[in-house]
Amino acid sequence: AQANDPRKAATGVYPEELHAEIHLKLQAEWYSRHDQQQRAAEVYRYMAKLDVQQLATLSGSTVNSQAPSLKQRIAYLSLAVNASNSNESDGSLEAVRDELELANLQARVLEALINSLPKAEDRATREGAVKELTTALVGPSDLYNDYAYRFELWEACIDIMMTCDHKDPEELQTLYINVFRQTDRPYRNSPIGQHISVLKLKLEELIDRFVPADKSKGLHFFPLDFIVQGLEDLTTFLPAHQVNHASMLNPRKWNPWVLDTMFERGISRELLFKAYNNYMETQEHAPQPLGLSFISEDEDANSEWYNDLSKFHVAEAIVSLIRRWHAEAEQRKSAHVLRNASVSDLLVKLRSHIGSLHGDEISVSGRSELLKGLDDLTENSH
């Protein structure tokens, strides 16, 4: 027993600052070689949580005591998981897996914080936080409040909520607005095309990061309806702070970039259909657009109101979605999309809806083209 106790081991074999750590490693390896995997896992978990004071106590000296780095702690927890895997009936396996997941989450927050340093006015404060995250494990609540939220690492906040499976729709919507505002802020005085370019890239990143590959898990941390409404609104309405307001968007060059991006990134067609159907309903019953608040913090950013042109664009997006969804289903020889009751009902509703739009900005050719697309879909549904 004494041979495995770092406090009883001979000094002078290793540098003093490594003395305790190396003997703990040897102890864990000894347990592993003697088929005591659970005890080896306990040592690795203990090593992952060591602080400077504990190391000083083990070493018998306060000289050169240095806590493990975050990278080392993750390595120790990984070793603990591997050791625990051989004894899966033990309840500690789930606990150590959770600890490893949280440590990896902390590493992602740390990376985001380091990447924020070059542009930070509070660089010194952030550097202090970097040191804290590098040298000690932090609980998820502190990680969210004291680091991610405090330093406006909005995507890291979403990551923490997703990792901890903490569902708070209102908080999540606020975080997504903050992400889009932060993304767009450097382009406040740019043409609307520049806004769309950077927001499109960010939307792709968010989908790749927060939409699970397993579609059965749902979009709990990617509020699809909210994002569709907010970003599609920007197609028609421009930021209140912009100059040359009327010249920045040519309605004849509109394209459903939000729909295109989500379609290409593999968002469920059924969920997209529901989101755009809900968006059309929103325009009817909540006429003030959401989208302007996505890129503007001005109090009167939402002074615009939905008009016939914006409603026409939504109808175009829905027809495009149904056409592409139908084409995909036909190619895969799967269920007939156009015979879905919800889809066929909306096709009927769209015809009436388009007929009620009389804005001067809606061109005759654009209306004719949209109605023809609707006719083709209706004909194929029979």
Protein backbone atom coordinates (compact mmCIF):
# COMPACT_ATOMS: atom_id res chain seq x y z
CA ALA A 1 0.00 0.00 0.00
CA GLN A 2 2.82 2.37 0.84
CA ALA A 3 4.40 1.87 -2.59
CA ASN A 4 1.26 3.33 -4.14
CA ASP A 5 1.04 6.30 -1.80
CA PRO A 6 2.75 9.39 -3.30
CA ARG A 7 3.28 10.80 0.20
CA LYS A 8 5.41 7.74 1.09
CA ALA A 9 7.41 7.61 -2.17
CA ALA A 10 11.08 8.55 -2.18
CA THR A 11 11.94 12.12 -3.15
CA GLY A 12 14.52 13.18 -5.66
CA VAL A 13 13.52 10.77 -8.43
CA TYR A 14 11.36 13.37 -10.20
CA PRO A 15 11.32 17.16 -10.25
CA GLU A 16 9.49 18.31 -7.12
CA GLU A 17 6.61 19.96 -9.03
CA LEU A 18 5.89 16.66 -10.84
CA HIS A 19 6.39 14.39 -7.85
CA ALA A 20 2.73 14.02 -6.78
CA GLU A 21 1.27 13.87 -10.29
CA ILE A 22 3.63 11.18 -11.55
CA HIS A 23 3.05 8.96 -8.54
CA LEU A 24 -0.73 9.31 -8.92
CA LYS A 25 -0.36 8.20 -12.53
CA LEU A 26 1.74 5.21 -11.43
CA GLN A 27 -0.87 4.35 -8.85
CA ALA A 28 -3.66 4.38 -11.47
CA GLU A 29 -1.56 2.28 -13.86
CA TRP A 30 -0.82 -0.23 -11.09
CA TYR A 31 -4.56 -0.62 -10.44
CA SER A 32 -5.20 -1.11 -14.16
CA ARG A 33 -2.53 -3.82 -14.50
CA HIS A 34 -4.04 -5.65 -11.53
CA ASP A 35 -7.61 -5.55 -12.95
CA GLN A 36 -8.82 -2.95 -10.46
CA GLN A 37 -10.27 -0.68 -13.14
CA GLN A 38 -12.76 1.07 -10.93
CA ARG A 39 -10.05 2.12 -8.48
CA ALA A 40 -7.92 3.32 -11.40
CA ALA A 41 -10.88 5.40 -12.60
CA GLU A 42 -11.24 6.94 -9.15
CA VAL A 43 -7.60 8.02 -9.17
CA TYR A 44 -7.93 9.58 -12.63
CA ARG A 45 -11.07 11.45 -11.54
CA TYR A 46 -9.24 12.67 -8.47
CA MET A 47 -6.34 13.89 -10.63
CA ALA A 48 -8.76 15.74 -12.92
CA LYS A 49 -10.06 17.76 -9.98
CA LEU A 50 -6.78 18.55 -8.23
CA ASP A 51 -6.14 22.14 -7.23
CA VAL A 52 -2.89 23.81 -6.22
CA GLN A 53 -3.49 23.34 -2.49
CA GLN A 54 -4.12 19.61 -2.86
CA LEU A 55 -0.96 19.22 -4.95
CA ALA A 56 1.06 21.09 -2.34
CA THR A 57 -0.31 18.79 0.37
CA LEU A 58 0.52 15.67 -1.64
CA SER A 59 3.99 16.93 -2.51
CA GLY A 60 4.72 18.08 1.00
CA SER A 61 5.77 21.46 -0.39
CA THR A 62 4.19 24.64 -1.73
CA VAL A 63 7.15 25.23 -4.05
CA ASN A 64 6.34 25.05 -7.78
CA SER A 65 2.93 23.46 -7.16
CA GLN A 66 0.91 23.86 -10.35
CA ALA A 67 -2.61 22.59 -11.00
CA PRO A 68 -3.26 20.53 -14.13
CA SER A 69 -4.29 22.46 -17.22
CA LEU A 70 -7.79 22.02 -18.66
CA LYS A 71 -6.32 19.87 -21.43
CA GLN A 72 -4.72 17.58 -18.83
CA ARG A 73 -7.95 17.39 -16.83
CA ILE A 74 -9.84 16.30 -19.96
CA ALA A 75 -7.17 13.67 -20.61
CA TYR A 76 -7.53 12.31 -17.05
CA LEU A 77 -11.33 12.20 -17.33
CA SER A 78 -11.00 10.37 -20.65
CA LEU A 79 -8.77 7.80 -18.93
CA ALA A 80 -11.34 7.54 -16.13
CA VAL A 81 -14.10 6.85 -18.68
CA ASN A 82 -11.99 4.18 -20.39
CA ALA A 83 -11.27 2.52 -17.06
CA SER A 84 -14.93 2.70 -16.00
CA ASN A 85 -16.08 1.19 -19.30
CA SER A 86 -14.75 -2.18 -18.12
CA ASN A 87 -17.17 -2.05 -15.20
CA GLU A 88 -20.32 -0.68 -16.83
CA SER A 89 -22.59 -2.00 -14.12
CA ASP A 90 -21.11 0.57 -11.77
CA GLY A 91 -23.15 3.78 -11.58
CA SER A 92 -20.04 5.92 -11.60
CA LEU A 93 -19.59 5.49 -15.37
CA GLU A 94 -22.46 7.85 -16.15
CA ALA A 95 -21.15 10.38 -13.64
CA VAL A 96 -17.64 10.45 -15.09
CA ARG A 97 -19.02 10.70 -18.63
CA ASP A 98 -21.01 13.74 -17.53
CA GLU A 99 -17.87 15.26 -16.02
CA LEU A 100 -15.96 14.68 -19.26
CA GLU A 101 -18.78 16.22 -21.33
CA LEU A 102 -18.79 19.33 -19.11
CA ALA A 103 -14.99 19.61 -19.30
CA ASN A 104 -15.15 19.47 -23.10
CA LEU A 105 -17.91 22.09 -22.99
CA GLN A 106 -15.62 24.30 -20.88
CA ALA A 107 -12.88 23.83 -23.49
CA ARG A 108 -15.25 25.12 -26.20
CA VAL A 109 -16.18 28.17 -24.10
CA LEU A 110 -12.48 28.77 -23.44
CA GLU A 111 -11.74 28.64 -27.18
CA ALA A 112 -14.54 31.14 -27.88
CA LEU A 113 -13.18 33.44 -25.16
CA ILE A 114 -9.62 33.25 -26.55
CA ASN A 115 -10.91 34.01 -30.05
CA SER A 116 -12.68 37.10 -28.70
CA LEU A 117 -9.48 38.62 -27.26
CA PRO A 118 -8.13 40.47 -30.34
CA LYS A 119 -11.26 42.65 -30.64
CA ALA A 120 -12.01 43.03 -26.93
CA GLU A 121 -11.80 46.39 -25.21
CA ASP A 122 -11.75 44.60 -21.85
CA ARG A 123 -8.82 42.44 -22.88
CA ALA A 124 -7.22 42.29 -19.42
CA THR A 125 -10.45 41.12 -17.80
CA ARG A 126 -10.91 38.46 -20.46
CA GLU A 127 -7.33 37.28 -20.08
CA GLY A 128 -8.01 36.78 -16.36
CA ALA A 129 -11.06 34.70 -17.24
CA VAL A 130 -8.98 32.67 -19.72
CA LYS A 131 -6.54 31.84 -16.92
CA GLU A 132 -9.38 30.77 -14.62
CA LEU A 133 -10.90 28.46 -17.23
CA THR A 134 -7.50 27.04 -18.10
CA THR A 135 -6.58 26.05 -14.55
CA ALA A 136 -9.81 24.88 -12.89
CA LEU A 137 -13.02 23.03 -13.73
CA VAL A 138 -16.14 25.20 -13.58
CA GLY A 139 -19.75 24.14 -13.09
CA PRO A 140 -22.27 24.72 -15.92
CA SER A 141 -24.15 27.53 -14.15
CA ASP A 142 -20.96 29.51 -13.49
CA LEU A 143 -19.73 28.72 -16.99
CA TYR A 144 -22.90 30.24 -18.44
CA ASN A 145 -23.26 33.29 -16.19
CA ASP A 146 -19.69 34.24 -15.28
CA TYR A 147 -18.01 33.50 -18.60
CA ALA A 148 -20.21 32.89 -21.65
CA TYR A 149 -22.98 35.42 -20.94
CA ARG A 150 -20.73 37.94 -19.20
CA PHE A 151 -18.42 38.16 -22.21
CA GLU A 152 -21.22 38.00 -24.82
CA LEU A 153 -20.24 34.60 -26.16
CA TRP A 154 -23.78 34.01 -27.36
CA GLU A 155 -23.17 30.82 -29.33
CA ALA A 156 -21.33 29.40 -26.33
CA CYS A 157 -24.45 30.18 -24.25
CA ILE A 158 -26.57 28.16 -26.70
CA ASP A 159 -23.98 25.37 -26.57
CA ILE A 160 -24.21 25.26 -22.77
CA MET A 161 -28.03 25.14 -22.85
CA MET A 162 -27.92 22.35 -25.45
CA THR A 163 -25.26 20.31 -23.62
CA CYS A 164 -27.16 20.60 -20.33
CA ASP A 165 -30.51 20.02 -22.10
CA HIS A 166 -31.87 23.19 -20.49
CA LYS A 167 -34.98 24.21 -22.42
CA ASP A 168 -35.92 27.87 -22.03
CA PRO A 169 -37.52 29.09 -25.31
CA GLU A 170 -37.58 32.76 -24.31
CA GLU A 171 -33.92 32.81 -23.28
CA LEU A 172 -32.99 30.90 -26.44
CA GLN A 173 -34.73 33.46 -28.67
CA THR A 174 -32.86 36.28 -26.93
CA LEU A 175 -29.56 34.48 -27.53
CA TYR A 176 -30.28 34.00 -31.24
CA ILE A 177 -31.17 37.67 -31.64
CA ASN A 178 -27.88 38.53 -29.93
CA VAL A 179 -25.99 36.20 -32.29
CA PHE A 180 -27.46 37.87 -35.39
CA ARG A 181 -26.94 41.38 -34.01
CA GLN A 182 -23.33 40.61 -33.14
CA THR A 183 -22.76 39.13 -36.60
CA ASP A 184 -24.29 42.07 -38.41
CA ARG A 185 -22.89 44.90 -36.24
CA PRO A 186 -19.73 45.52 -38.36
CA TYR A 187 -21.96 45.98 -41.45
CA ARG A 188 -24.48 48.45 -40.04
CA ASN A 189 -23.88 50.98 -42.82
CA SER A 190 -23.56 48.47 -45.66
CA PRO A 191 -26.08 47.68 -48.42
CA ILE A 192 -28.71 45.09 -47.58
CA GLY A 193 -26.94 42.56 -49.81
CA GLN A 194 -23.96 42.63 -47.45
CA HIS A 195 -26.23 42.04 -44.47
CA ILE A 196 -27.74 39.01 -46.19
CA SER A 197 -24.33 37.57 -47.11
CA VAL A 198 -22.98 37.59 -43.56
CA LEU A 199 -26.27 36.45 -42.03
CA LYS A 200 -26.46 33.57 -44.52
CA LEU A 201 -23.01 32.37 -43.51
CA LYS A 202 -23.92 32.63 -39.83
CA LEU A 203 -27.19 30.76 -40.42
CA GLU A 204 -25.24 27.92 -42.05
CA GLU A 205 -22.90 27.75 -39.05
CA LEU A 206 -25.79 27.72 -36.57
CA ILE A 207 -27.60 24.94 -38.43
CA ASP A 208 -24.45 22.82 -38.60
CA ARG A 209 -23.80 23.36 -34.90
CA PHE A 210 -27.22 23.24 -33.25
CA VAL A 211 -29.46 21.12 -35.50
CA PRO A 212 -28.93 17.47 -34.50
CA ALA A 213 -28.12 14.96 -37.23
CA ASP A 214 -30.68 12.65 -35.62
CA LYS A 215 -33.95 14.27 -36.70
CA SER A 216 -35.89 12.38 -34.03
CA LYS A 217 -34.26 14.58 -31.37
CA GLY A 218 -36.16 17.66 -32.54
CA LEU A 219 -35.04 21.28 -32.87
CA HIS A 220 -35.14 22.20 -29.19
CA PHE A 221 -32.10 24.48 -29.49
CA PHE A 222 -32.73 25.88 -32.96
CA PRO A 223 -36.04 27.83 -32.79
CA LEU A 224 -37.00 27.33 -36.43
CA ASP A 225 -40.25 29.32 -36.53
CA PHE A 226 -38.63 32.27 -34.75
CA ILE A 227 -35.58 32.30 -37.04
CA VAL A 228 -37.68 31.96 -40.22
CA GLN A 229 -39.85 34.90 -39.22
CA GLY A 230 -36.94 37.09 -38.15
CA LEU A 231 -34.68 36.50 -41.14
CA GLU A 232 -37.42 36.42 -43.80
CA ASP A 233 -38.65 39.78 -42.51
CA LEU A 234 -35.27 41.24 -43.49
CA THR A 235 -35.98 40.39 -47.11
CA THR A 236 -38.53 43.17 -47.25
CA PHE A 237 -37.81 45.50 -44.34
CA LEU A 238 -34.59 47.39 -43.94
CA PRO A 239 -32.82 48.60 -40.79
CA ALA A 240 -34.19 51.87 -39.46
CA HIS A 241 -30.69 53.36 -39.14
CA GLN A 242 -29.83 52.85 -42.81
CA VAL A 243 -29.50 55.72 -45.26
CA ASN A 244 -30.52 55.59 -48.93
CA HIS A 245 -33.31 53.43 -47.61
CA ALA A 246 -35.27 52.87 -50.81
CA SER A 247 -32.32 52.07 -53.05
CA MET A 248 -30.94 49.16 -51.08
CA LEU A 249 -33.41 46.46 -52.02
CA ASN A 250 -34.82 45.80 -55.46
CA PRO A 251 -38.02 43.78 -55.00
CA ARG A 252 -37.63 42.29 -58.49
CA LYS A 253 -34.36 40.65 -57.41
CA TRP A 254 -35.76 39.03 -54.28
CA ASN A 255 -34.85 35.41 -53.63
CA PRO A 256 -35.79 33.14 -50.73
CA TRP A 257 -32.27 32.97 -49.29
CA VAL A 258 -33.44 31.81 -45.86
CA LEU A 259 -35.44 28.94 -47.34
CA ASP A 260 -32.62 28.06 -49.75
CA THR A 261 -30.07 27.91 -46.94
CA MET A 262 -32.23 25.73 -44.70
CA PHE A 263 -33.19 23.46 -47.58
CA GLU A 264 -29.56 22.97 -48.62
CA ARG A 265 -28.52 22.33 -45.02
CA GLY A 266 -31.03 19.50 -44.69
CA ILE A 267 -33.63 20.94 -42.32
CA SER A 268 -36.66 18.62 -42.20
CA ARG A 269 -39.03 19.51 -45.07
CA GLU A 270 -42.05 18.86 -42.86
CA LEU A 271 -40.74 21.26 -40.20
CA LEU A 272 -39.88 23.88 -42.83
CA PHE A 273 -43.39 23.60 -44.26
CA LYS A 274 -44.93 24.11 -40.81
CA ALA A 275 -42.61 27.05 -40.09
CA TYR A 276 -43.51 28.90 -43.31
CA ASN A 277 -47.20 28.10 -42.88
CA ASN A 278 -46.99 29.59 -39.36
CA TYR A 279 -45.08 32.58 -40.74
CA MET A 280 -47.88 33.33 -43.21
CA GLU A 281 -50.37 33.18 -40.33
CA THR A 282 -48.14 35.49 -38.29
CA GLN A 283 -48.23 38.13 -41.01
CA GLU A 284 -51.99 38.11 -40.88
CA HIS A 285 -52.43 38.29 -37.10
CA ALA A 286 -49.26 40.03 -35.85
CA PRO A 287 -48.59 42.66 -38.48
CA GLN A 288 -45.46 44.19 -36.95
CA PRO A 289 -42.32 42.45 -38.23
CA LEU A 290 -39.82 40.78 -35.96
CA GLY A 291 -36.82 40.86 -38.25
CA LEU A 292 -35.65 44.41 -37.75
CA SER A 293 -34.86 43.68 -34.10
CA PHE A 294 -32.50 40.94 -35.30
CA ILE A 295 -29.98 43.45 -36.58
CA SER A 296 -30.90 46.70 -34.84
CA GLU A 297 -30.97 47.60 -31.16
CA ASP A 298 -32.82 50.87 -31.84
CA GLU A 299 -36.08 51.19 -29.95
CA ASP A 300 -38.03 52.15 -33.09
CA ALA A 301 -36.40 49.51 -35.28
CA ASN A 302 -39.82 47.92 -35.78
CA SER A 303 -41.59 51.02 -37.05
CA GLU A 304 -42.30 49.25 -40.36
CA TRP A 305 -45.39 47.11 -40.90
CA TYR A 306 -46.09 44.09 -43.07
CA ASN A 307 -47.32 45.06 -46.50
CA ASP A 308 -48.62 43.22 -49.56
CA LEU A 309 -45.14 42.85 -51.04
CA SER A 310 -43.79 41.04 -47.97
CA LYS A 311 -46.82 38.74 -47.94
CA PHE A 312 -46.31 38.05 -51.65
CA HIS A 313 -42.69 37.06 -50.99
CA VAL A 314 -43.77 34.60 -48.31
CA ALA A 315 -46.23 33.03 -50.76
CA GLU A 316 -43.37 32.71 -53.27
CA ALA A 317 -41.21 31.00 -50.66
CA ILE A 318 -43.97 28.53 -49.74
CA VAL A 319 -44.65 27.61 -53.38
CA SER A 320 -40.91 27.13 -53.93
CA LEU A 321 -40.68 24.94 -50.81
CA ILE A 322 -43.61 22.72 -51.80
CA ARG A 323 -42.31 22.35 -55.38
CA ARG A 324 -38.83 21.31 -54.24
CA TRP A 325 -40.17 19.04 -51.49
CA HIS A 326 -42.45 17.33 -54.04
CA ALA A 327 -39.57 16.88 -56.51
CA GLU A 328 -37.40 15.28 -53.81
CA ALA A 329 -40.17 12.91 -52.77
CA GLU A 330 -40.80 11.86 -56.38
CA GLN A 331 -37.12 11.17 -56.91
CA ARG A 332 -37.03 8.98 -53.80
CA LYS A 333 -40.41 7.44 -54.74
CA SER A 334 -41.64 8.22 -51.23
CA ALA A 335 -44.98 9.52 -49.96
CA HIS A 336 -46.83 11.89 -52.31
CA VAL A 337 -46.27 15.32 -50.77
CA LEU A 338 -49.07 17.02 -52.69
CA ARG A 339 -51.64 14.56 -51.32
CA ASN A 340 -50.78 15.53 -47.77
CA ALA A 341 -53.95 17.17 -46.38
CA SER A 342 -52.04 20.10 -44.85
CA VAL A 343 -50.23 20.78 -48.13
CA SER A 344 -53.34 20.56 -50.31
CA ASP A 345 -55.31 22.80 -47.92
CA LEU A 346 -52.54 25.41 -48.02
CA LEU A 347 -52.44 25.35 -51.83
CA VAL A 348 -56.13 26.29 -51.86
CA LYS A 349 -55.57 28.98 -49.26
CA LEU A 350 -52.57 30.40 -51.15
CA ARG A 351 -54.65 31.05 -54.27
CA SER A 352 -57.09 33.14 -52.29
CA HIS A 353 -54.26 34.79 -50.39
CA ILE A 354 -52.38 35.82 -53.55
CA GLY A 355 -55.57 37.18 -55.07
CA SER A 356 -56.03 39.49 -52.09
CA LEU A 357 -52.63 41.16 -52.53
CA HIS A 358 -52.81 44.37 -54.56
CA GLY A 359 -49.66 46.31 -53.69
CA ASP A 360 -48.25 48.45 -56.51
CA GLU A 361 -44.81 46.88 -56.05
CA ILE A 362 -46.13 43.44 -57.06
CA SER A 363 -45.50 43.14 -60.78
CA VAL A 364 -48.05 41.60 -63.14
CA SER A 365 -45.46 39.15 -64.45
CA GLY A 366 -44.45 38.14 -60.92
CA ARG A 367 -48.06 37.47 -59.95
CA SER A 368 -48.66 35.46 -63.14
CA GLU A 369 -45.53 33.38 -62.61
CA LEU A 370 -46.48 32.58 -59.02
CA LEU A 371 -50.05 31.62 -59.94
CA LYS A 372 -48.76 29.36 -62.71
CA GLY A 373 -46.48 27.59 -60.22
CA LEU A 374 -49.47 27.17 -57.95
CA ASP A 375 -51.57 25.76 -60.81
CA ASP A 376 -48.87 23.19 -61.62
CA LEU A 377 -48.74 22.00 -58.04
CA THR A 378 -52.54 21.81 -57.77
CA GLU A 379 -52.74 19.81 -61.03
CA ASN A 380 -50.11 17.32 -59.79
CA SER A 381 -52.00 16.82 -56.55
CA HIS A 382 -54.88 15.04 -58.32
